Amino acid sequence: MNGPDMNLTCAARIGAKYLEKEGVSSPSNDAEELLSHVLSIQRLRIYTEYTRELEREEVKRYANALKRRARGEPLQYITGSVEFRGISLVVEPGVFIPRPETEITVEYACEVIPDRQVRILDIGTGCGNIALSIAAERPSARIYAIDISEKAISLCMKNAETFGVSSRIEVLHGDLYQALNGTNFDFDCIVSNPPYVRDDEWEDLEREVRQFEPAIALKGGKDGLDLIRKIIIGAPRFLKQGGWLVLEIAPGQAEYLLDYIKNLKSCESANLSVAWSDIRCFNDLCGRPRVLRARLSGKF
């Protein structure tokens, strides 16, 4: 790739062949996305303006982006953005990249979040994809977004400001419910996409996940449930009676978690006896259990 005598379609074709040779799973898609990003044009223009030739500096920037992708760096980190439920979010290295399955989590959360003034807690907000989606779909809701990563907190605030919902999203830094210490909040719904990858699964993940995304946002301990159990156990202290808990989970965890929450009778941190009802798992688009939802029907 040594332009400048190279038009858009030629550049996309050469980029795709290079990425394919380097073992990238979606070479044509990624080559076109990178080219449109480098040139700040819509992807369609690669073919509607195919005679346009790249300038020497544009060729250099495109070649650099292709090399980053070939090394395994996620496409979203290179372009700096990700689409989630119709929202374009800024995403940066060091912050977890939202996945399409989490859109299902938001869907089942919004089913039980009424369209009125309610208070929602998003645990492990990352770039803010869950918080912003709920803010967009429930305009009367106030959302509290927690993350242990200062970088994630900063990015969530940036995305909230860009999307125009920062007045309804309060971002808190801390480890799970510790961020709420000293408050007397009670929430209508607690939502989370927590880390749930088992320790023995880590080395089997794709290189771009293992080497580039933050392990703290993915690894859930020996059985993948370390953080999930803490979220479930601590939820009654901060949920209203009748409030909902909505968690994204790994498909293989569903049976255990359904039984676990069904038999959870107390919240030790708040010295409460509790009762859960409407406990269900919902499938993702591939038919695998992906979302756990339960209602706190009693606390006393």
Protein backbone atom coordinates (compact mmCIF):
# COMPACT_ATOMS: atom_id res chain seq x y z
CA MET A 1 0.00 0.00 0.00
CA ASN A 2 2.08 2.87 -1.29
CA GLY A 3 -0.35 5.40 -2.90
CA PRO A 4 -1.25 8.12 -3.60
CA ASP A 5 -2.45 6.55 -6.89
CA MET A 6 -5.08 4.44 -5.15
CA ASN A 7 -8.84 4.91 -5.22
CA LEU A 8 -11.29 4.05 -2.47
CA THR A 9 -12.42 0.63 -3.69
CA CYS A 10 -8.85 -0.40 -4.45
CA ALA A 11 -7.79 0.59 -0.94
CA ALA A 12 -10.66 -1.36 0.61
CA ARG A 13 -9.85 -4.44 -1.47
CA ILE A 14 -6.14 -4.36 -0.61
CA GLY A 15 -6.97 -3.80 3.07
CA ALA A 16 -9.33 -6.77 3.11
CA LYS A 17 -6.74 -9.08 1.52
CA TYR A 18 -4.15 -7.99 4.07
CA LEU A 19 -6.46 -8.59 7.04
CA GLU A 20 -7.54 -11.96 5.64
CA LYS A 21 -3.89 -12.99 5.34
CA GLU A 22 -3.34 -11.94 8.97
CA GLY A 23 -6.23 -14.12 10.15
CA VAL A 24 -8.80 -11.42 10.94
CA SER A 25 -12.25 -13.04 10.99
CA SER A 26 -14.18 -10.34 9.10
CA PRO A 27 -11.58 -8.80 6.77
CA SER A 28 -13.85 -7.03 4.26
CA ASN A 29 -16.07 -5.49 6.92
CA ASP A 30 -13.13 -4.33 9.02
CA ALA A 31 -11.18 -2.95 6.08
CA GLU A 32 -14.17 -0.86 5.00
CA GLU A 33 -14.92 0.32 8.53
CA LEU A 34 -11.30 1.39 9.01
CA LEU A 35 -11.17 3.17 5.68
CA SER A 36 -14.38 5.11 6.35
CA HIS A 37 -13.06 5.98 9.82
CA VAL A 38 -9.68 7.20 8.56
CA LEU A 39 -11.32 9.33 5.87
CA SER A 40 -14.26 10.45 8.07
CA ILE A 41 -16.76 9.39 5.42
CA GLN A 42 -19.82 7.15 5.41
CA ARG A 43 -18.98 3.59 4.44
CA LEU A 44 -21.30 3.69 1.41
CA ARG A 45 -19.16 6.42 -0.15
CA ILE A 46 -16.33 3.92 -0.66
CA TYR A 47 -18.41 2.62 -3.56
CA THR A 48 -20.40 5.67 -4.63
CA GLU A 49 -17.21 7.75 -4.91
CA TYR A 50 -14.94 4.90 -5.91
CA THR A 51 -12.82 7.03 -8.29
CA ARG A 52 -11.64 9.28 -5.47
CA GLU A 53 -7.94 8.78 -4.88
CA LEU A 54 -6.36 8.73 -1.43
CA GLU A 55 -3.72 11.27 -0.57
CA ARG A 56 -0.36 10.05 0.66
CA GLU A 57 -1.10 10.94 4.29
CA GLU A 58 -4.47 9.15 4.12
CA VAL A 59 -2.76 6.01 2.83
CA LYS A 60 -0.33 6.13 5.76
CA ARG A 61 -3.13 6.51 8.30
CA TYR A 62 -5.10 3.68 6.72
CA ALA A 63 -2.07 1.39 6.68
CA ASN A 64 -1.44 2.12 10.36
CA ALA A 65 -5.06 1.31 11.25
CA LEU A 66 -4.85 -1.96 9.32
CA LYS A 67 -1.66 -2.94 11.17
CA ARG A 68 -3.32 -2.28 14.52
CA ARG A 69 -6.26 -4.49 13.54
CA ALA A 70 -3.92 -7.22 12.25
CA ARG A 71 -2.19 -7.28 15.65
CA GLY A 72 -5.55 -8.11 17.22
CA GLU A 73 -6.61 -4.71 18.51
CA PRO A 74 -10.43 -4.55 18.49
CA LEU A 75 -12.00 -2.58 15.68
CA GLN A 76 -13.97 -0.48 18.16
CA TYR A 77 -10.81 0.73 19.92
CA ILE A 78 -9.30 1.80 16.60
CA THR A 79 -12.39 3.66 15.40
CA GLY A 80 -13.20 4.88 18.92
CA SER A 81 -16.91 4.08 18.71
CA VAL A 82 -19.51 1.34 19.07
CA GLU A 83 -23.21 1.18 18.20
CA PHE A 84 -25.58 0.06 20.96
CA ARG A 85 -29.38 0.10 20.65
CA GLY A 86 -29.20 2.89 18.09
CA ILE A 87 -26.77 5.00 20.11
CA SER A 88 -23.22 5.71 18.95
CA LEU A 89 -20.94 5.57 21.98
CA VAL A 90 -17.31 6.52 22.40
CA VAL A 91 -15.20 3.60 23.58
CA GLU A 92 -11.49 3.59 24.43
CA PRO A 93 -8.80 1.05 25.33
CA GLY A 94 -9.10 0.07 28.98
CA VAL A 95 -12.91 0.10 28.94
CA PHE A 96 -15.03 -2.93 28.08
CA ILE A 97 -16.60 -2.94 24.60
CA PRO A 98 -20.41 -3.45 24.76
CA ARG A 99 -21.72 -6.61 23.08
CA PRO A 100 -24.99 -7.08 21.16
CA GLU A 101 -26.28 -9.57 23.75
CA THR A 102 -26.36 -6.81 26.34
CA GLU A 103 -29.02 -5.11 24.23
CA ILE A 104 -31.25 -8.03 25.28
CA THR A 105 -30.45 -7.26 28.93
CA VAL A 106 -31.65 -3.67 28.44
CA GLU A 107 -34.77 -4.91 26.70
CA TYR A 108 -35.82 -7.13 29.62
CA ALA A 109 -34.96 -4.40 32.10
CA CYS A 110 -37.12 -1.85 30.29
CA GLU A 111 -40.03 -4.31 30.33
CA VAL A 112 -40.28 -3.82 34.11
CA ILE A 113 -39.18 -0.17 34.37
CA PRO A 114 -42.30 2.01 34.29
CA ASP A 115 -42.34 5.21 32.24
CA ARG A 116 -42.45 7.53 35.23
CA GLN A 117 -40.04 8.96 37.77
CA VAL A 118 -38.01 5.98 38.94
CA ARG A 119 -34.49 5.44 40.23
CA ILE A 120 -32.29 2.89 38.41
CA LEU A 121 -28.87 1.52 39.39
CA ASP A 122 -26.42 0.33 36.73
CA ILE A 123 -23.55 -1.63 38.31
CA GLY A 124 -20.35 -1.81 36.26
CA THR A 125 -21.43 0.81 33.76
CA GLY A 126 -18.32 0.79 31.59
CA CYS A 127 -18.81 3.29 28.77
CA GLY A 128 -22.40 3.79 29.95
CA ASN A 129 -24.22 1.72 27.33
CA ILE A 130 -26.89 0.35 29.70
CA ALA A 131 -27.35 3.63 31.57
CA LEU A 132 -27.68 5.72 28.41
CA SER A 133 -30.03 3.25 26.75
CA ILE A 134 -32.38 3.27 29.73
CA ALA A 135 -32.17 7.06 29.92
CA ALA A 136 -33.17 7.23 26.25
CA GLU A 137 -36.03 4.74 26.54
CA ARG A 138 -37.32 5.89 29.94
CA PRO A 139 -37.05 9.71 29.84
CA SER A 140 -38.45 10.17 33.34
CA ALA A 141 -35.93 7.82 34.97
CA ARG A 142 -32.91 8.90 36.95
CA ILE A 143 -29.96 6.54 36.59
CA TYR A 144 -27.03 6.00 38.95
CA ALA A 145 -24.05 4.44 37.18
CA ILE A 146 -21.28 2.75 39.20
CA ASP A 147 -17.88 1.52 38.12
CA ILE A 148 -14.62 0.67 39.87
CA SER A 149 -12.61 2.03 36.91
CA GLU A 150 -11.97 5.76 36.87
CA LYS A 151 -11.44 5.58 33.12
CA ALA A 152 -14.85 3.98 32.66
CA ILE A 153 -16.47 6.62 34.87
CA SER A 154 -14.89 9.39 32.80
CA LEU A 155 -16.02 7.78 29.55
CA CYS A 156 -19.57 7.24 30.80
CA MET A 157 -19.79 10.93 31.74
CA LYS A 158 -18.45 11.92 28.32
CA ASN A 159 -21.01 9.77 26.52
CA ALA A 160 -23.85 11.05 28.72
CA GLU A 161 -22.92 14.65 27.91
CA THR A 162 -22.66 13.93 24.19
CA PHE A 163 -26.04 12.23 24.17
CA GLY A 164 -27.64 14.99 26.23
CA VAL A 165 -28.69 12.94 29.26
CA SER A 166 -26.01 13.92 31.78
CA SER A 167 -28.59 15.74 33.91
CA ARG A 168 -30.35 12.42 34.56
CA ILE A 169 -27.28 10.21 35.08
CA GLU A 170 -25.23 10.36 38.25
CA VAL A 171 -21.90 8.59 37.91
CA LEU A 172 -20.32 7.09 41.03
CA HIS A 173 -16.84 5.63 41.47
CA GLY A 174 -16.52 2.53 43.64
CA ASP A 175 -16.61 -1.23 43.99
CA LEU A 176 -20.17 -2.50 43.60
CA TYR A 177 -22.44 -1.23 46.40
CA GLN A 178 -19.55 0.44 48.26
CA ALA A 179 -20.08 3.41 45.97
CA LEU A 180 -23.44 3.94 47.69
CA ASN A 181 -22.06 4.03 51.24
CA GLY A 182 -23.43 7.02 53.10
CA THR A 183 -26.50 7.28 50.87
CA ASN A 184 -30.07 6.28 51.59
CA PHE A 185 -31.05 5.47 48.02
CA ASP A 186 -33.55 2.79 47.20
CA PHE A 187 -33.95 1.73 43.60
CA ASP A 188 -36.81 0.55 41.45
CA CYS A 189 -34.43 -1.59 39.40
CA ILE A 190 -30.81 -2.73 39.60
CA VAL A 191 -29.25 -3.72 36.26
CA SER A 192 -25.81 -5.13 35.59
CA ASN A 193 -23.67 -6.83 32.99
CA PRO A 194 -21.07 -8.13 35.47
CA PRO A 195 -17.89 -10.12 34.78
CA TYR A 196 -18.87 -13.78 34.35
CA VAL A 197 -16.01 -15.53 32.52
CA ARG A 198 -14.64 -18.53 34.44
CA ASP A 199 -10.92 -18.67 35.17
CA ASP A 200 -10.54 -21.82 33.05
CA GLU A 201 -12.22 -20.13 30.08
CA TRP A 202 -9.86 -17.15 29.95
CA GLU A 203 -7.15 -18.65 27.75
CA ASP A 204 -9.77 -19.85 25.27
CA LEU A 205 -11.07 -16.35 24.58
CA GLU A 206 -10.13 -14.59 21.36
CA ARG A 207 -6.77 -12.83 21.33
CA GLU A 208 -8.37 -9.42 20.90
CA VAL A 209 -10.35 -9.95 24.10
CA ARG A 210 -7.55 -11.42 26.25
CA GLN A 211 -4.84 -9.02 25.17
CA PHE A 212 -6.75 -5.78 24.77
CA GLU A 213 -9.91 -5.63 26.88
CA PRO A 214 -9.76 -5.11 30.68
CA ALA A 215 -9.72 -8.43 32.51
CA ILE A 216 -11.46 -6.85 35.50
CA ALA A 217 -14.56 -6.38 33.34
CA LEU A 218 -14.59 -9.99 32.20
CA LYS A 219 -13.16 -12.42 34.76
CA GLY A 220 -15.65 -13.68 37.33
CA GLY A 221 -13.51 -16.08 39.33
CA LYS A 222 -13.30 -19.87 39.43
CA ASP A 223 -16.94 -20.45 38.49
CA GLY A 224 -17.53 -17.02 36.95
CA LEU A 225 -19.99 -16.08 39.69
CA ASP A 226 -17.92 -14.14 42.24
CA LEU A 227 -19.37 -10.73 41.35
CA ILE A 228 -22.82 -12.01 40.44
CA ARG A 229 -23.32 -13.55 43.88
CA LYS A 230 -22.21 -10.31 45.56
CA ILE A 231 -24.65 -8.30 43.46
CA ILE A 232 -27.54 -10.65 44.27
CA ILE A 233 -26.75 -10.83 48.00
CA GLY A 234 -26.40 -7.06 48.33
CA ALA A 235 -29.36 -6.07 46.17
CA PRO A 236 -32.14 -6.18 48.83
CA ARG A 237 -30.43 -3.46 50.87
CA PHE A 238 -30.86 -1.00 47.99
CA LEU A 239 -33.92 -2.29 46.14
CA LYS A 240 -37.42 -1.09 46.94
CA GLN A 241 -39.85 -3.79 47.90
CA GLY A 242 -41.30 -4.79 44.54
CA GLY A 243 -38.16 -3.66 42.74
CA TRP A 244 -36.39 -5.69 40.09
CA LEU A 245 -32.93 -7.16 39.66
CA VAL A 246 -31.81 -7.76 36.06
CA LEU A 247 -28.46 -9.47 35.36
CA GLU A 248 -26.69 -10.59 32.24
CA ILE A 249 -25.21 -14.06 32.77
CA ALA A 250 -23.37 -16.80 30.90
CA PRO A 251 -25.69 -19.47 29.48
CA GLY A 252 -24.19 -22.23 31.62
CA GLN A 253 -24.92 -20.33 34.83
CA ALA A 254 -28.69 -20.13 34.49
CA GLU A 255 -29.76 -23.30 36.31
CA TYR A 256 -27.50 -22.63 39.29
CA LEU A 257 -28.54 -18.98 39.61
CA LEU A 258 -32.25 -19.70 39.37
CA ASP A 259 -31.92 -22.08 42.30
CA TYR A 260 -29.54 -19.75 44.16
CA ILE A 261 -31.80 -16.71 44.16
CA LYS A 262 -34.92 -18.80 44.82
CA ASN A 263 -33.35 -20.06 48.05
CA LEU A 264 -31.78 -16.78 49.14
CA LYS A 265 -33.75 -15.81 52.25
CA SER A 266 -31.62 -13.06 53.78
CA CYS A 267 -29.42 -10.05 53.16
CA GLU A 268 -26.75 -10.24 55.84
CA SER A 269 -25.22 -6.81 55.10
CA ALA A 270 -28.55 -5.16 56.00
CA ASN A 271 -29.81 -7.77 58.49
CA LEU A 272 -32.88 -8.37 56.34
CA SER A 273 -35.08 -11.35 55.63
CA VAL A 274 -36.07 -11.33 51.98
CA ALA A 275 -38.31 -13.07 49.49
CA TRP A 276 -37.88 -13.17 45.71
CA SER A 277 -40.56 -13.86 43.12
CA ASP A 278 -41.06 -13.79 39.33
CA ILE A 279 -37.64 -15.39 38.97
CA ARG A 280 -36.95 -16.10 35.30
CA CYS A 281 -34.19 -16.50 32.74
CA PHE A 282 -34.60 -15.14 29.21
CA ASN A 283 -32.82 -16.36 26.10
CA ASP A 284 -30.63 -14.37 23.76
CA LEU A 285 -31.12 -14.40 19.99
CA CYS A 286 -29.23 -17.71 19.76
CA GLY A 287 -31.68 -19.37 22.16
CA ARG A 288 -29.24 -19.49 25.10
CA PRO A 289 -30.17 -18.37 28.65
CA ARG A 290 -28.68 -14.88 28.93
CA VAL A 291 -30.70 -12.66 31.30
CA LEU A 292 -31.72 -13.38 34.89
CA ARG A 293 -34.59 -11.29 36.22
CA ALA A 294 -36.19 -11.41 39.67
CA ARG A 295 -38.51 -9.26 41.75
CA LEU A 296 -37.91 -8.46 45.42
CA SER A 297 -41.38 -9.29 46.69
CA GLY A 298 -40.61 -8.87 50.38
CA LYS A 299 -38.00 -7.56 52.79
CA PHE A 300 -38.53 -7.41 56.51
